[in-house]
Protein backbone atom coordinates (compact mmCIF):
# COMPACT_ATOMS: atom_id res chain seq x y z
CA UNK A 1 -8.81 -28.18 141.05
CA UNK A 2 -8.49 -25.85 138.05
CA UNK A 3 -6.59 -28.60 136.17
CA UNK A 4 -9.22 -31.21 136.96
CA UNK A 5 -11.99 -28.87 135.86
CA UNK A 6 -10.23 -28.21 132.56
CA UNK A 7 -9.81 -31.96 131.96
CA UNK A 8 -13.49 -32.69 132.56
CA UNK A 9 -14.58 -29.89 130.31
CA UNK A 10 -12.31 -31.07 127.47
CA UNK A 11 -13.54 -34.66 127.80
CA UNK A 12 -17.15 -33.49 127.78
CA UNK A 13 -16.53 -31.50 124.58
CA UNK A 14 -15.01 -34.51 122.74
CA UNK A 15 -17.95 -36.71 123.74
CA UNK A 16 -20.38 -34.11 122.51
CA UNK A 17 -18.60 -33.82 119.17
CA UNK A 18 -18.64 -37.62 118.64
CA UNK A 19 -22.34 -37.68 119.42
CA UNK A 20 -23.08 -34.86 117.00
CA UNK A 21 -21.04 -36.61 114.26
CA UNK A 22 -22.90 -39.87 114.73
CA UNK A 23 -26.25 -38.08 114.54
CA UNK A 24 -25.23 -36.31 111.34
CA UNK A 25 -24.15 -39.60 109.75
CA UNK A 26 -27.40 -41.34 110.67
CA UNK A 27 -29.37 -38.41 109.27
CA UNK A 28 -27.45 -38.54 106.00
CA UNK A 29 -28.06 -42.29 105.61
CA UNK A 30 -31.74 -41.90 106.33
CA UNK A 31 -31.99 -39.12 103.76
CA UNK A 32 -30.26 -41.24 101.10
CA UNK A 33 -32.56 -44.21 101.73
CA UNK A 34 -35.61 -42.01 101.52
CA UNK A 35 -34.44 -40.52 98.21
CA UNK A 36 -33.76 -43.97 96.75
CA UNK A 37 -37.16 -45.21 97.87
CA UNK A 38 -38.87 -42.25 96.28
CA UNK A 39 -37.14 -42.91 92.89
CA UNK A 40 -37.70 -46.67 92.68
CA UNK A 41 -41.25 -46.72 91.28
CA UNK A 42 -40.36 -44.12 88.64
CA UNK A 43 -37.35 -46.13 87.46
CA UNK A 44 -39.49 -49.25 87.02
CA UNK A 45 -41.99 -47.37 84.91
CA UNK A 46 -39.30 -45.81 82.76
CA UNK A 47 -37.64 -49.19 82.20
CA UNK A 48 -40.88 -50.73 81.02
CA UNK A 49 -41.88 -48.00 78.59
CA UNK A 50 -38.98 -48.35 76.09
CA UNK A 51 -39.56 -52.11 75.84
CA UNK A 52 -43.23 -51.55 74.99
CA UNK A 53 -42.81 -48.61 72.65
CA UNK A 54 -39.46 -49.51 71.13
CA UNK A 55 -38.05 -46.19 72.30
CA UNK A 56 -34.46 -45.26 71.72
CA UNK A 57 -32.20 -46.91 74.22
CA UNK A 58 -34.32 -50.05 74.66
CA UNK A 59 -31.33 -52.34 74.23
CA UNK A 60 -33.21 -55.62 74.66
CA UNK A 61 -35.63 -55.00 71.83
CA UNK A 62 -33.12 -53.39 69.43
CA UNK A 63 -31.45 -56.62 68.23
CA UNK A 64 -34.82 -58.12 67.30
CA UNK A 65 -35.77 -55.13 65.18
CA UNK A 66 -32.56 -55.20 63.12
CA UNK A 67 -31.33 -52.24 61.08
CA UNK A 68 -33.39 -49.15 60.35
CA UNK A 69 -36.00 -49.39 57.61
CA UNK A 70 -34.87 -48.14 54.22
CA UNK A 71 -31.27 -49.35 54.68
CA UNK A 72 -31.21 -53.03 53.63
CA UNK A 73 -28.03 -55.01 54.09
CA UNK A 74 -25.91 -55.36 50.94
CA UNK A 75 -25.99 -58.80 49.30
CA UNK A 76 -23.19 -61.14 50.39
CA UNK A 77 -20.15 -61.21 48.18
CA UNK A 78 -20.55 -64.92 47.65
CA UNK A 79 -23.91 -66.57 47.05
CA UNK A 80 -23.48 -70.20 48.09
CA UNK A 81 -26.68 -71.41 46.49
CA UNK A 82 -28.22 -72.47 43.22
CA UNK A 83 -30.76 -70.44 41.30
CA UNK A 84 -33.57 -72.97 40.91
CA UNK A 85 -35.13 -72.80 37.45
CA UNK A 86 -36.96 -75.07 35.02
CA UNK A 87 -34.74 -77.66 33.37
CA UNK A 88 -35.56 -76.51 29.84
CA UNK A 89 -36.73 -73.40 28.04
CA UNK A 90 -37.84 -73.54 24.43
CA UNK A 91 -36.69 -77.15 24.05
CA UNK A 92 -33.16 -76.13 25.10
CA UNK A 93 -31.35 -76.44 28.43
CA UNK A 94 -32.33 -73.48 30.59
CA UNK A 95 -28.79 -72.15 31.02
CA UNK A 96 -28.45 -69.14 33.34
CA UNK A 97 -24.85 -68.21 32.50
CA UNK A 98 -24.37 -64.93 30.63
CA UNK A 99 -21.85 -66.54 28.31
CA UNK A 100 -21.99 -70.23 27.40
CA UNK A 101 -20.88 -72.78 24.84
CA UNK A 102 -21.38 -76.54 24.53
CA UNK A 103 -19.14 -78.24 21.97
CA UNK A 104 -18.80 -81.85 20.86
CA UNK A 105 -15.05 -82.27 21.32
CA UNK A 106 -14.87 -85.13 18.81
CA UNK A 107 -16.42 -83.21 15.91
CA UNK A 108 -16.29 -79.54 16.88
CA UNK A 109 -20.06 -79.28 16.47
CA UNK A 110 -21.69 -76.65 18.69
CA UNK A 111 -24.89 -77.76 20.42
CA UNK A 112 -25.64 -74.66 22.46
CA UNK A 113 -24.18 -71.15 22.45
CA UNK A 114 -24.84 -67.86 24.15
CA UNK A 115 -22.48 -65.09 23.10
CA UNK A 116 -19.62 -67.60 22.84
CA UNK A 117 -17.17 -65.04 21.43
CA UNK A 118 -17.86 -62.11 23.73
CA UNK A 119 -14.89 -61.46 26.05
CA UNK A 120 -15.63 -61.33 29.76
CA UNK A 121 -13.72 -61.76 33.02
CA UNK A 122 -12.73 -65.36 33.77
CA UNK A 123 -11.22 -65.11 37.27
CA UNK A 124 -9.27 -68.26 38.28
CA UNK A 125 -9.73 -69.98 34.95
CA UNK A 126 -6.60 -67.86 34.32
CA UNK A 127 -4.68 -70.47 36.32
CA UNK A 128 -4.88 -72.86 33.35
CA UNK A 129 -2.68 -70.44 31.39
CA UNK A 130 -0.43 -69.85 34.41
CA UNK A 131 0.30 -73.55 34.92
CA UNK A 132 0.79 -74.11 31.18
CA UNK A 133 3.35 -71.31 31.23
CA UNK A 134 5.43 -72.67 34.13
CA UNK A 135 5.37 -76.28 32.91
CA UNK A 136 6.60 -75.08 29.51
CA UNK A 137 9.67 -73.73 31.33
CA UNK A 138 10.79 -77.14 32.59
CA UNK A 139 9.39 -76.77 36.08
CA UNK A 140 11.18 -79.16 38.44
CA UNK A 141 8.25 -81.03 39.97
CA UNK A 142 10.31 -82.36 42.85
CA UNK A 143 12.06 -79.06 43.52
CA UNK A 144 11.11 -77.18 46.69
CA UNK A 145 9.73 -73.63 46.83
CA UNK A 146 9.04 -71.58 49.95
CA UNK A 147 6.03 -69.27 50.19
CA UNK A 148 7.34 -65.75 50.81
CA UNK A 149 6.03 -62.23 51.33
CA UNK A 150 5.84 -61.53 47.59
CA UNK A 151 3.41 -64.43 47.17
CA UNK A 152 1.30 -63.11 50.04
CA UNK A 153 1.13 -59.65 48.45
CA UNK A 154 0.32 -60.97 44.97
CA UNK A 155 -2.59 -62.95 46.44
CA UNK A 156 -3.89 -60.11 48.65
CA UNK A 157 -7.61 -59.56 48.22
CA UNK A 158 -8.31 -63.11 47.11
CA UNK A 159 -9.62 -66.18 48.88
CA UNK A 160 -7.97 -67.33 52.10
CA UNK A 161 -4.87 -69.45 51.51
CA UNK A 162 -3.68 -72.41 53.54
CA UNK A 163 -0.15 -71.87 52.26
CA UNK A 164 1.38 -69.80 55.05
CA UNK A 165 4.40 -67.57 54.62
CA UNK A 166 7.53 -69.60 55.31
CA UNK A 167 5.92 -72.91 54.33
CA UNK A 168 7.97 -75.04 51.90
CA UNK A 169 6.36 -77.39 49.37
CA UNK A 170 7.32 -79.31 46.25
CA UNK A 171 6.42 -77.68 42.96
CA UNK A 172 4.23 -80.70 42.26
CA UNK A 173 2.22 -79.85 45.37
CA UNK A 174 2.01 -76.21 44.30
CA UNK A 175 0.56 -77.21 40.92
CA UNK A 176 -2.17 -79.17 42.69
CA UNK A 177 -2.80 -76.32 45.10
CA UNK A 178 -3.18 -73.92 42.17
CA UNK A 179 -5.49 -76.10 40.06
CA UNK A 180 -7.48 -78.11 42.63
CA UNK A 181 -7.56 -75.56 45.45
CA UNK A 182 -7.31 -72.45 43.20
CA UNK A 183 -4.69 -71.05 45.57
CA UNK A 184 -3.32 -67.68 44.45
CA UNK A 185 -0.14 -67.90 46.52
CA UNK A 186 0.69 -71.18 44.80
CA UNK A 187 0.56 -69.47 41.40
CA UNK A 188 2.95 -66.72 42.45
CA UNK A 189 5.34 -69.25 43.99
CA UNK A 190 5.32 -71.33 40.80
CA UNK A 191 6.28 -68.27 38.78
CA UNK A 192 9.25 -67.65 41.08
CA UNK A 193 10.19 -71.33 40.81
CA UNK A 194 10.88 -70.81 37.09
CA UNK A 195 12.49 -67.40 37.54
CA UNK A 196 9.53 -65.18 36.65
CA UNK A 197 8.51 -62.07 38.55
CA UNK A 198 4.85 -61.10 38.48
CA UNK A 199 5.15 -58.83 35.44
CA UNK A 200 7.30 -61.32 33.52
CA UNK A 201 4.91 -64.13 34.43
CA UNK A 202 1.92 -62.18 33.09
CA UNK A 203 3.71 -61.35 29.84
CA UNK A 204 4.68 -65.00 29.37
CA UNK A 205 1.05 -66.08 29.89
CA UNK A 206 -0.10 -63.65 27.21
CA UNK A 207 2.50 -65.00 24.80
CA UNK A 208 1.45 -68.56 25.62
CA UNK A 209 -2.24 -68.09 24.81
CA UNK A 210 -1.35 -66.19 21.63
CA UNK A 211 0.82 -69.12 20.55
CA UNK A 212 -2.15 -71.52 20.74
CA UNK A 213 -4.35 -69.19 18.71
CA UNK A 214 -6.43 -67.50 21.43
CA UNK A 215 -7.04 -64.02 20.05
CA UNK A 216 -9.31 -62.63 22.74
CA UNK A 217 -7.72 -64.09 25.87
CA UNK A 218 -5.53 -61.67 27.84
CA UNK A 219 -4.16 -61.29 31.35
CA UNK A 220 -3.33 -58.37 33.64
CA UNK A 221 -1.82 -60.57 36.39
CA UNK A 222 -1.27 -64.32 36.83
CA UNK A 223 -3.82 -65.39 39.47
CA UNK A 224 -7.23 -64.29 38.14
CA UNK A 225 -7.89 -61.60 40.75
CA UNK A 226 -8.03 -58.86 38.12
CA UNK A 227 -11.23 -58.10 36.21
CA UNK A 228 -8.98 -57.51 33.19
CA UNK A 229 -8.12 -61.20 32.93
CA UNK A 230 -10.55 -61.99 30.15
CA UNK A 231 -11.47 -64.63 27.61
CA UNK A 232 -14.53 -66.00 25.82
CA UNK A 233 -16.53 -69.20 26.30
CA UNK A 234 -15.00 -70.58 23.10
CA UNK A 235 -11.43 -69.77 24.07
CA UNK A 236 -11.74 -71.04 27.65
CA UNK A 237 -12.65 -74.43 26.17
CA UNK A 238 -9.55 -74.22 23.96
CA UNK A 239 -7.48 -73.28 27.02
CA UNK A 240 -8.78 -76.30 28.91
CA UNK A 241 -8.06 -78.54 25.91
CA UNK A 242 -4.46 -77.26 25.88
CA UNK A 243 -4.08 -78.08 29.59
CA UNK A 244 -5.57 -81.54 29.08
CA UNK A 245 -3.16 -82.15 26.21
CA UNK A 246 -0.26 -81.62 28.64
CA UNK A 247 0.69 -84.92 30.34
CA UNK A 248 1.35 -83.32 33.73
CA UNK A 249 -1.63 -80.96 33.86
CA UNK A 250 -4.10 -83.48 32.43
CA UNK A 251 -3.64 -85.76 35.43
CA UNK A 252 -4.17 -82.82 37.80
CA UNK A 253 -7.27 -81.14 36.32
CA UNK A 254 -9.21 -84.41 36.40
CA UNK A 255 -8.08 -85.44 39.91
CA UNK A 256 -10.94 -85.20 42.47
CA UNK A 257 -8.69 -84.66 45.51
CA UNK A 258 -5.08 -84.51 46.59
CA UNK A 259 -2.89 -84.30 49.72
CA UNK A 260 -0.05 -81.78 49.62
CA UNK A 261 2.82 -82.37 52.05
CA UNK A 262 4.58 -79.19 53.22
CA UNK A 263 8.01 -79.79 54.72
CA UNK A 264 7.73 -80.50 58.47
CA UNK A 265 4.03 -79.60 58.47
CA UNK A 266 0.81 -81.63 58.49
CA UNK A 267 -0.58 -82.52 55.05
CA UNK A 268 -3.06 -80.18 53.35
CA UNK A 269 -6.06 -81.91 51.80
CA UNK A 270 -7.45 -80.37 48.61
CA UNK A 271 -10.78 -81.22 47.00
CA UNK A 272 -11.09 -80.11 43.39
CA UNK A 273 -13.26 -77.00 43.14
CA UNK A 274 -15.20 -78.53 40.23
CA UNK A 275 -16.28 -81.54 42.35
CA UNK A 276 -19.99 -80.46 42.50
CA UNK A 277 -20.20 -81.24 38.77
CA UNK A 278 -19.78 -84.97 39.49
CA UNK A 279 -23.00 -86.89 38.88
CA UNK A 280 -24.15 -90.36 37.88
CA UNK A 281 -24.70 -89.78 34.15
CA UNK A 282 -21.41 -87.97 33.41
CA UNK A 283 -17.69 -88.60 33.67
CA UNK A 284 -15.74 -85.43 34.42
CA UNK A 285 -12.57 -85.39 32.32
CA UNK A 286 -11.13 -82.15 33.66
CA UNK A 287 -12.06 -78.59 34.47
CA UNK A 288 -11.46 -75.33 36.30
CA UNK A 289 -13.68 -72.96 38.24
CA UNK A 290 -13.34 -69.23 38.79
CA UNK A 291 -14.82 -66.40 40.83
CA UNK A 292 -14.27 -62.70 41.37
CA UNK A 293 -16.68 -59.82 41.76
CA UNK A 294 -16.52 -58.94 38.05
CA UNK A 295 -16.51 -62.45 36.58
CA UNK A 296 -19.04 -63.85 39.05
CA UNK A 297 -19.11 -67.68 39.05
CA UNK A 298 -17.45 -69.46 36.14
CA UNK A 299 -16.81 -73.04 35.06
CA UNK A 300 -15.06 -74.60 32.10
CA UNK A 301 -15.26 -78.37 32.03
CA UNK A 302 -14.76 -81.38 29.79
CA UNK A 303 -17.04 -84.36 30.37
CA UNK A 304 -18.11 -87.61 28.79
CA UNK A 305 -21.89 -87.61 28.44
CA UNK A 306 -23.95 -90.30 26.75
CA UNK A 307 -20.85 -91.85 25.22
CA UNK A 308 -19.37 -88.66 23.75
CA UNK A 309 -16.92 -86.01 24.92
CA UNK A 310 -18.07 -82.43 25.39
CA UNK A 311 -16.44 -79.14 26.28
CA UNK A 312 -18.72 -76.83 28.24
CA UNK A 313 -17.96 -73.24 29.24
CA UNK A 314 -20.30 -71.38 31.60
CA UNK A 315 -19.27 -67.81 32.43
CA UNK A 316 -20.98 -65.20 34.57
CA UNK A 317 -23.56 -66.96 36.75
CA UNK A 318 -25.14 -65.73 39.98
CA UNK A 319 -24.93 -68.23 42.79
CA UNK A 320 -22.04 -70.56 43.56
CA UNK A 321 -23.93 -73.69 42.54
CA UNK A 322 -25.86 -72.24 39.59
CA UNK A 323 -22.93 -72.94 37.24
CA UNK A 324 -23.12 -76.60 38.30
CA UNK A 325 -26.90 -76.50 37.86
CA UNK A 326 -26.33 -75.24 34.31
CA UNK A 327 -23.91 -78.10 33.71
CA UNK A 328 -26.46 -80.62 35.01
CA UNK A 329 -29.21 -79.14 32.81
CA UNK A 330 -26.95 -79.40 29.75
CA UNK A 331 -26.00 -83.00 30.56
CA UNK A 332 -29.61 -84.06 31.12
CA UNK A 333 -30.66 -82.34 27.88
CA UNK A 334 -27.96 -84.18 25.92
CA UNK A 335 -28.98 -87.53 27.41
CA UNK A 336 -32.73 -87.08 26.94
CA UNK A 337 -32.84 -85.28 23.60
CA UNK A 338 -29.84 -86.89 21.89
CA UNK A 339 -29.26 -83.87 19.62
CA UNK A 340 -28.46 -84.58 15.99
CA UNK A 341 -24.76 -84.78 15.37
CA UNK A 342 -22.82 -84.06 12.22
CA UNK A 343 -19.65 -86.20 12.35
CA UNK A 344 -18.15 -84.38 9.39
CA UNK A 345 -18.71 -80.86 10.73
CA UNK A 346 -15.53 -78.84 11.05
CA UNK A 347 -14.66 -77.13 14.35
CA UNK A 348 -16.11 -73.64 14.55
CA UNK A 349 -13.73 -70.72 14.85
CA UNK A 350 -14.35 -67.26 16.27
CA UNK A 351 -15.83 -64.59 14.00
CA UNK A 352 -13.78 -61.57 12.84
CA UNK A 353 -12.68 -59.11 15.55
CA UNK A 354 -15.08 -56.41 14.43
CA UNK A 355 -18.06 -58.73 14.93
CA UNK A 356 -16.99 -59.58 18.48
CA UNK A 357 -16.09 -56.08 19.59
CA UNK A 358 -19.44 -54.81 18.30
CA UNK A 359 -21.02 -57.09 20.93
CA UNK A 360 -24.24 -57.17 18.94
CA UNK A 361 -26.58 -60.18 19.41
CA UNK A 362 -25.80 -61.21 15.82
CA UNK A 363 -22.13 -61.69 16.76
CA UNK A 364 -22.89 -65.32 17.50
CA UNK A 365 -23.50 -65.88 13.80
CA UNK A 366 -27.18 -66.82 14.14
CA UNK A 367 -28.64 -70.30 14.31
CA UNK A 368 -27.16 -73.02 12.19
CA UNK A 369 -27.69 -76.72 11.77
CA UNK A 370 -27.11 -78.52 15.05
CA UNK A 371 -26.40 -75.26 16.91
CA UNK A 372 -28.70 -73.33 19.23
CA UNK A 373 -27.89 -69.67 19.75
CA UNK A 374 -29.48 -67.79 22.62
CA UNK A 375 -29.00 -64.10 23.43
CA UNK A 376 -28.61 -63.16 27.06
CA UNK A 377 -30.94 -60.54 28.45
């Protein structure tokens, strides 16, 4: 009997403990539910208030409000637009470029000028000198060159390239990539193709432009990424003329598009960067664009307008398409006004160095017969 009594007592104790545990659990659950129920209305109210008042932490309304007042977003690096302006100003084309020159290529007569001899950054117009330099060194057009890490580093900071490291192309393709697509890696690769490192390439470009009489054109590196690659409106036209006088480069600078064929890779289609200049009343004979943060948007172009050939340089415009708008305004002005031409006029040369470096408005030489001079403001 004592053993049976002990067993019953132990069993009764375990049952009591289970019962007490179950009661405690139920009580805890009930307490939690009551607490949650008591908080629910308050949470709804708090969630609504930030949305109405715009309080901090109202995540749904924050994207609509944008950034804090007084801290406007910086302007985009590139402005892919045209500055819309009147076609003419003071009976002249309303050119927006900070430096500009319009020259009759057959006579040398200047029809419009704005600080044509003031040096300024020219960005990728530098590639005209780069390609002249490599073609002067008997570049093998059918030879193959592989894009390497040096080319990638030289082009760092510039526009995105489609010439990937390890890709192999003919030098002919690289010339088109440099001039039509303005590809910086192509320029570096072309220099290596003729045995020139970056420093040697730059020095050779400076010697080249000096040899064709360009006194104010200079280069810090071969691609046009440096703000220290500089020239003038007058000398960029002379640089384009030199490229167009070269039988290989002439065919490239006037080409509207081209397919490069990397070895064992799909073709790369290039559209000439000056293609927006094409219009019904002009025939584009050749040209080159440029852009960097210092130079802004640039264009040097040769075109046949109203039966005559013109060289037009437009440097330092705001807005990607404004340089092409300037070109269109010049072309329309030539067609509609038929400016007086002096067939016997001699080509104009740059003024003395001291007049240019002074950068005074009078450096343009003032107005002369058949020439309109406009100071930039």
